[in-house]
């Protein structure tokens, strides 16, 4: 069997998947309804909503299989998420990529596979809606259109879940999304012995902006601050508006010293943006930077608590800006 290549931007793709909080959750009728529909329309024994995790494929909905996951190494769906459109395998025994795959040579003895990628709102491919048969099949153009339509219906259900983890105003993660992503990042840091740093940020005198200039102006400040966060930090960093005027950034493979340099860069960008917008006032913020210590921080909550405390001490001392 030929092992599939890892797709580009894999870390960002995984973060999009993890942020949903969908892995290892119970079955849901909204997804089961669609796999039952696919199984009935195509008259196949197996239909799945398969999500491709770091080292496994996990089935959010599973019709016709007893297991809920398999190794990513033998996953047909791993190949499918590399495609722009559906992946159709008429006969796996005649396909060099799959002929020696254990899922082909042993149970469930896959011969036919058709999988259409499922995308997150931001375009990253999370997995597939796929159908499987134990005998070779010919798939028509009309069949492909129906499969794509069903996958689009799955995507709409996923979009509802994803929007629940994003802050609608600033378009960064909300607290729920941040907590989900960060727990995965901390697990990665423990396994790989990577330095991870948290930056806890709070806008200074933000209430005065709302009181004196109105909430519309306050919203513009929050949007501008989040925009500069995206410029100051890397694509691999996890950014969030925790609520109100509180923001956070989790920086993977980053020491505390490097995280503090990023805070300085953010201050410069925020000030420059305020000057360019000619607001008549500065956007100031206090920040607490703390490095992840596995023995001390058993969860993202513990790390946030330390970051919040450091931020508050900085704000009270007047060293913020």
Protein backbone atom coordinates (compact mmCIF):
# COMPACT_ATOMS: atom_id res chain seq x y z
CA UNK A 1 0.00 0.00 0.00
CA UNK A 2 1.22 3.50 -0.80
CA UNK A 3 0.90 5.77 2.23
CA UNK A 4 -0.65 9.15 1.44
CA UNK A 5 1.29 12.37 1.78
CA UNK A 6 0.43 14.74 4.62
CA UNK A 7 -1.61 17.66 3.21
CA UNK A 8 -0.11 21.15 3.28
CA UNK A 9 -1.01 23.51 6.12
CA UNK A 10 -1.72 20.44 8.22
CA UNK A 11 -1.46 22.17 11.60
CA UNK A 12 -4.00 24.82 10.61
CA UNK A 13 -6.29 22.11 9.22
CA UNK A 14 -6.09 20.16 12.47
CA UNK A 15 -6.79 23.29 14.50
CA UNK A 16 -9.92 23.91 12.44
CA UNK A 17 -11.03 20.36 13.21
CA UNK A 18 -10.16 20.49 16.91
CA UNK A 19 -11.88 23.85 17.39
CA UNK A 20 -15.23 22.22 16.60
CA UNK A 21 -15.08 20.08 19.73
CA UNK A 22 -16.69 17.31 17.67
CA UNK A 23 -14.17 14.48 18.03
CA UNK A 24 -15.21 11.60 20.32
CA UNK A 25 -18.69 13.04 20.84
CA UNK A 26 -21.88 10.94 20.74
CA UNK A 27 -23.74 10.31 17.50
CA UNK A 28 -26.17 13.02 16.38
CA UNK A 29 -29.32 12.58 14.34
CA UNK A 30 -28.47 15.51 12.02
CA UNK A 31 -25.43 13.59 10.74
CA UNK A 32 -26.91 10.10 10.99
CA UNK A 33 -29.84 11.23 8.84
CA UNK A 34 -27.45 12.12 6.03
CA UNK A 35 -25.44 8.88 6.15
CA UNK A 36 -28.67 6.87 6.17
CA UNK A 37 -29.76 8.87 3.13
CA UNK A 38 -26.45 8.19 1.36
CA UNK A 39 -26.61 4.48 2.19
CA UNK A 40 -30.17 4.23 0.82
CA UNK A 41 -29.65 6.35 -2.32
CA UNK A 42 -26.53 4.49 -3.44
CA UNK A 43 -27.58 1.08 -2.10
CA UNK A 44 -24.25 0.50 -0.31
CA UNK A 45 -23.58 -1.34 2.95
CA UNK A 46 -21.46 1.42 4.49
CA UNK A 47 -21.80 5.23 4.66
CA UNK A 48 -19.71 7.46 6.93
CA UNK A 49 -19.00 11.00 8.03
CA UNK A 50 -15.27 10.55 8.58
CA UNK A 51 -13.06 13.18 10.22
CA UNK A 52 -9.31 12.94 9.64
CA UNK A 53 -7.50 13.57 12.93
CA UNK A 54 -3.75 13.73 13.57
CA UNK A 55 -3.17 9.96 13.48
CA UNK A 56 -6.61 8.45 12.95
CA UNK A 57 -9.87 8.82 11.10
CA UNK A 58 -12.86 9.05 13.44
CA UNK A 59 -16.46 8.53 12.38
CA UNK A 60 -18.97 11.10 13.57
CA UNK A 61 -21.66 9.07 11.82
CA UNK A 62 -21.27 5.44 10.89
CA UNK A 63 -23.74 3.23 9.03
CA UNK A 64 -22.65 -0.37 8.45
CA UNK A 65 -19.47 -0.52 10.56
CA UNK A 66 -19.03 -1.56 14.18
CA UNK A 67 -15.85 0.48 14.79
CA UNK A 68 -15.76 4.26 15.35
CA UNK A 69 -12.22 4.89 14.12
CA UNK A 70 -9.26 3.43 12.22
CA UNK A 71 -5.63 4.37 11.80
CA UNK A 72 -4.96 7.31 9.49
CA UNK A 73 -2.30 5.27 7.70
CA UNK A 74 -4.95 3.00 6.16
CA UNK A 75 -7.54 5.73 5.65
CA UNK A 76 -9.01 6.21 2.17
CA UNK A 77 -10.34 9.55 3.46
CA UNK A 78 -6.79 10.73 4.09
CA UNK A 79 -6.30 10.53 0.33
CA UNK A 80 -9.68 12.12 -0.35
CA UNK A 81 -8.93 15.34 1.57
CA UNK A 82 -6.03 15.96 -0.82
CA UNK A 83 -8.49 16.20 -3.70
CA UNK A 84 -10.39 19.29 -4.87
CA UNK A 85 -13.41 17.14 -5.67
CA UNK A 86 -14.64 13.64 -4.82
CA UNK A 87 -12.25 10.70 -4.79
CA UNK A 88 -13.72 7.72 -6.62
CA UNK A 89 -12.08 4.27 -6.38
CA UNK A 90 -14.08 1.85 -8.60
CA UNK A 91 -12.04 -1.21 -7.54
CA UNK A 92 -9.51 -0.92 -4.71
CA UNK A 93 -7.80 -4.19 -5.70
CA UNK A 94 -6.93 -2.61 -9.05
CA UNK A 95 -5.62 0.62 -7.50
CA UNK A 96 -1.93 0.65 -6.49
CA UNK A 97 -2.65 3.08 -3.64
CA UNK A 98 -5.00 0.66 -1.90
CA UNK A 99 -4.53 -2.88 -3.20
CA UNK A 100 -2.50 -3.97 -0.14
CA UNK A 101 -4.46 -1.86 2.35
CA UNK A 102 -5.59 -3.97 5.33
CA UNK A 103 -9.11 -2.54 4.97
CA UNK A 104 -9.14 -4.04 1.47
CA UNK A 105 -7.44 -7.37 2.14
CA UNK A 106 -9.30 -7.89 5.44
CA UNK A 107 -12.61 -6.71 6.91
CA UNK A 108 -14.51 -4.70 5.85
CA UNK A 109 -12.99 -5.78 2.48
CA UNK A 110 -13.42 -2.49 0.68
CA UNK A 111 -13.60 -2.72 -3.10
CA UNK A 112 -15.47 0.47 -3.99
CA UNK A 113 -14.99 3.86 -2.30
CA UNK A 114 -16.40 7.30 -3.06
CA UNK A 115 -15.62 10.17 -0.72
CA UNK A 116 -16.32 13.90 -1.02
CA UNK A 117 -14.26 16.29 1.15
CA UNK A 118 -16.06 18.21 3.90
CA UNK A 119 -14.73 21.73 4.42
CA UNK A 120 -14.78 24.03 7.42
CA UNK A 121 -16.03 27.61 7.05
CA UNK A 122 -12.41 28.74 6.56
CA UNK A 123 -11.90 26.24 3.73
CA UNK A 124 -9.81 23.61 5.50
CA UNK A 125 -10.78 20.02 4.72
CA UNK A 126 -11.91 18.22 7.86
CA UNK A 127 -12.80 14.82 6.44
CA UNK A 128 -15.34 13.32 4.06
CA UNK A 129 -18.80 12.04 3.50
CA UNK A 130 -18.01 8.64 1.99
CA UNK A 131 -19.75 5.50 0.82
CA UNK A 132 -18.19 2.01 0.62
CA UNK A 133 -19.12 -1.23 -1.08
CA UNK A 134 -17.61 -4.71 -0.95
CA UNK A 135 -17.85 -5.15 -4.70
CA UNK A 136 -16.52 -3.00 -7.59
CA UNK A 137 -18.86 -0.31 -8.87
CA UNK A 138 -19.13 2.20 -11.67
CA UNK A 139 -19.96 5.74 -10.52
CA UNK A 140 -21.73 8.05 -12.98
CA UNK A 141 -21.54 11.81 -13.26
CA UNK A 142 -25.05 12.07 -11.78
CA UNK A 143 -23.92 9.89 -8.85
CA UNK A 144 -21.06 12.29 -8.18
CA UNK A 145 -23.43 15.27 -8.16
CA UNK A 146 -25.67 13.58 -5.59
CA UNK A 147 -22.66 12.74 -3.38
CA UNK A 148 -21.46 16.36 -3.57
CA UNK A 149 -24.93 17.60 -2.63
CA UNK A 150 -25.03 15.33 0.41
CA UNK A 151 -21.53 16.44 1.45
CA UNK A 152 -22.68 20.07 1.19
CA UNK A 153 -25.48 19.25 3.61
CA UNK A 154 -22.92 17.82 6.05
CA UNK A 155 -20.83 20.98 5.62
CA UNK A 156 -23.81 23.14 6.57
CA UNK A 157 -24.21 21.20 9.81
CA UNK A 158 -20.49 21.54 10.51
CA UNK A 159 -20.67 25.29 9.80
CA UNK A 160 -23.29 25.70 12.51
CA UNK A 161 -20.91 24.06 14.98
CA UNK A 162 -17.90 26.07 13.82
CA UNK A 163 -19.65 29.42 14.07
CA UNK A 164 -20.39 28.60 17.71
CA UNK A 165 -16.62 28.66 18.41
CA UNK A 166 -15.87 31.98 16.68
CA UNK A 167 -16.30 35.53 17.95
CA UNK A 168 -18.64 37.06 15.40
CA UNK A 169 -17.38 40.62 15.85
CA UNK A 170 -13.61 40.10 15.63
CA UNK A 171 -13.45 36.83 13.66
CA UNK A 172 -11.01 35.20 16.10
CA UNK A 173 -11.87 32.28 18.38
CA UNK A 174 -14.27 32.85 21.24
CA UNK A 175 -13.59 31.43 24.71
CA UNK A 176 -15.13 28.05 23.86
CA UNK A 177 -13.08 27.67 20.69
CA UNK A 178 -9.91 28.84 22.43
CA UNK A 179 -10.29 26.33 25.27
CA UNK A 180 -10.78 23.44 22.85
CA UNK A 181 -7.83 24.36 20.65
CA UNK A 182 -5.53 25.15 23.56
CA UNK A 183 -6.07 21.83 25.34
CA UNK A 184 -4.93 20.06 22.16
CA UNK A 185 -1.92 22.39 21.93
CA UNK A 186 -0.90 21.70 25.53
CA UNK A 187 -1.13 17.95 24.89
CA UNK A 188 1.16 18.43 21.89
CA UNK A 189 3.58 20.47 24.00
CA UNK A 190 3.74 17.75 26.63
CA UNK A 191 4.35 14.99 24.09
CA UNK A 192 6.94 16.88 22.04
CA UNK A 193 8.50 18.82 24.94
CA UNK A 194 7.80 22.11 23.13
CA UNK A 195 7.87 25.51 24.83
CA UNK A 196 4.42 27.16 24.86
CA UNK A 197 3.60 30.64 26.09
CA UNK A 198 0.32 32.36 26.85
CA UNK A 199 -0.33 36.09 26.47
CA UNK A 200 -3.36 37.36 28.41
CA UNK A 201 -4.41 40.86 27.25
CA UNK A 202 -6.91 43.42 28.50
CA UNK A 203 -7.65 46.75 26.81
CA UNK A 204 -7.04 49.75 29.08
CA UNK A 205 -9.79 52.31 29.67
CA UNK A 206 -12.03 50.58 27.16
CA UNK A 207 -15.12 51.45 29.17
CA UNK A 208 -14.39 55.15 28.65
CA UNK A 209 -14.46 54.63 24.88
CA UNK A 210 -17.89 53.01 25.12
CA UNK A 211 -19.23 55.62 27.56
CA UNK A 212 -17.91 58.70 25.77
CA UNK A 213 -17.94 57.66 22.10
CA UNK A 214 -20.56 54.93 21.99
CA UNK A 215 -20.58 51.17 21.57
CA UNK A 216 -20.14 51.39 17.80
CA UNK A 217 -16.76 53.04 18.35
CA UNK A 218 -15.97 50.43 21.00
CA UNK A 219 -16.69 47.70 18.46
CA UNK A 220 -14.32 49.34 16.00
CA UNK A 221 -11.59 49.29 18.66
CA UNK A 222 -12.12 45.57 19.28
CA UNK A 223 -12.08 44.80 15.56
CA UNK A 224 -8.93 46.85 15.04
CA UNK A 225 -7.16 45.20 17.98
CA UNK A 226 -7.99 41.70 16.72
CA UNK A 227 -6.79 42.66 13.23
CA UNK A 228 -3.42 43.77 14.61
CA UNK A 229 -3.18 40.57 16.67
CA UNK A 230 -3.40 38.60 13.43
CA UNK A 231 -0.56 40.69 12.00
CA UNK A 232 1.64 40.45 15.10
CA UNK A 233 1.29 36.72 15.66
CA UNK A 234 1.85 33.69 13.42
CA UNK A 235 -0.77 31.64 11.64
CA UNK A 236 0.05 28.72 13.96
CA UNK A 237 -0.71 30.79 17.10
CA UNK A 238 -4.15 30.48 18.68
CA UNK A 239 -5.87 33.87 19.04
CA UNK A 240 -9.08 34.59 20.89
CA UNK A 241 -11.39 37.19 22.29
CA UNK A 242 -12.24 35.67 25.65
CA UNK A 243 -15.06 38.13 26.27
CA UNK A 244 -15.59 41.88 26.60
CA UNK A 245 -12.19 43.53 26.16
CA UNK A 246 -10.12 40.48 27.14
CA UNK A 247 -7.99 38.72 24.53
CA UNK A 248 -5.51 35.84 24.59
CA UNK A 249 -2.85 34.31 22.38
CA UNK A 250 -1.34 30.86 22.84
CA UNK A 251 2.06 30.67 21.14
CA UNK A 252 3.26 27.17 20.30
CA UNK A 253 7.01 26.41 20.25
CA UNK A 254 7.66 29.84 21.76
CA UNK A 255 9.57 30.80 24.91
CA UNK A 256 8.39 33.52 27.27
CA UNK A 257 11.12 35.84 25.96
CA UNK A 258 9.94 35.44 22.37
CA UNK A 259 6.33 35.91 23.45
CA UNK A 260 7.23 39.20 25.12
CA UNK A 261 8.88 40.32 21.88
CA UNK A 262 5.62 39.56 20.08
CA UNK A 263 3.73 41.71 22.61
CA UNK A 264 6.09 44.61 21.86
CA UNK A 265 5.45 44.11 18.14
CA UNK A 266 1.71 44.11 18.77
CA UNK A 267 1.92 47.40 20.73
CA UNK A 268 3.70 49.04 17.81
CA UNK A 269 1.12 47.80 15.31
CA UNK A 270 -1.81 48.86 17.48
CA UNK A 271 -0.42 52.38 17.96
CA UNK A 272 0.34 52.74 14.25
CA UNK A 273 -3.17 51.62 13.33
CA UNK A 274 -4.73 54.10 15.76
CA UNK A 275 -2.66 56.94 14.31
CA UNK A 276 -3.54 55.98 10.75
CA UNK A 277 -7.24 55.88 11.63
CA UNK A 278 -6.92 59.33 13.24
CA UNK A 279 -9.08 58.28 16.17
CA UNK A 280 -7.88 61.05 18.46
CA UNK A 281 -6.89 58.56 21.16
CA UNK A 282 -4.53 55.63 21.65
CA UNK A 283 -5.56 52.02 22.02
CA UNK A 284 -3.65 50.77 25.05
CA UNK A 285 -3.57 47.34 26.65
CA UNK A 286 -2.03 45.43 29.54
CA UNK A 287 -0.54 41.98 29.05
CA UNK A 288 0.55 39.08 31.19
CA UNK A 289 2.95 36.58 29.65
CA UNK A 290 3.38 33.15 31.20
CA UNK A 291 5.26 30.10 29.95
CA UNK A 292 3.59 26.70 30.13
CA UNK A 293 5.06 24.45 32.85
CA UNK A 294 3.47 20.96 32.71
CA UNK A 295 4.06 20.30 36.41
CA UNK A 296 2.39 23.58 37.31
CA UNK A 297 -0.32 23.93 34.67
CA UNK A 298 -2.49 20.83 34.46
CA UNK A 299 -4.99 22.55 32.16
CA UNK A 300 -5.51 25.64 30.04
CA UNK A 301 -7.59 27.06 32.90
CA UNK A 302 -4.53 27.03 35.17
CA UNK A 303 -2.43 28.73 32.51
CA UNK A 304 -5.10 31.40 31.94
CA UNK A 305 -5.35 32.05 35.67
CA UNK A 306 -1.62 32.76 35.88
CA UNK A 307 -1.75 34.95 32.78
CA UNK A 308 -4.71 36.90 34.15
CA UNK A 309 -2.90 37.48 37.44
CA UNK A 310 0.25 38.73 35.70
CA UNK A 311 -1.82 40.99 33.46
CA UNK A 312 -3.60 42.50 36.46
CA UNK A 313 -0.30 43.11 38.29
CA UNK A 314 1.06 44.86 35.20
CA UNK A 315 -2.06 47.01 34.86
CA UNK A 316 -1.96 48.01 38.56
CA UNK A 317 1.73 48.88 38.43
CA UNK A 318 1.28 51.19 35.45
CA UNK A 319 3.90 49.32 33.41
CA UNK A 320 1.40 48.32 30.73
CA UNK A 321 2.24 50.79 27.96
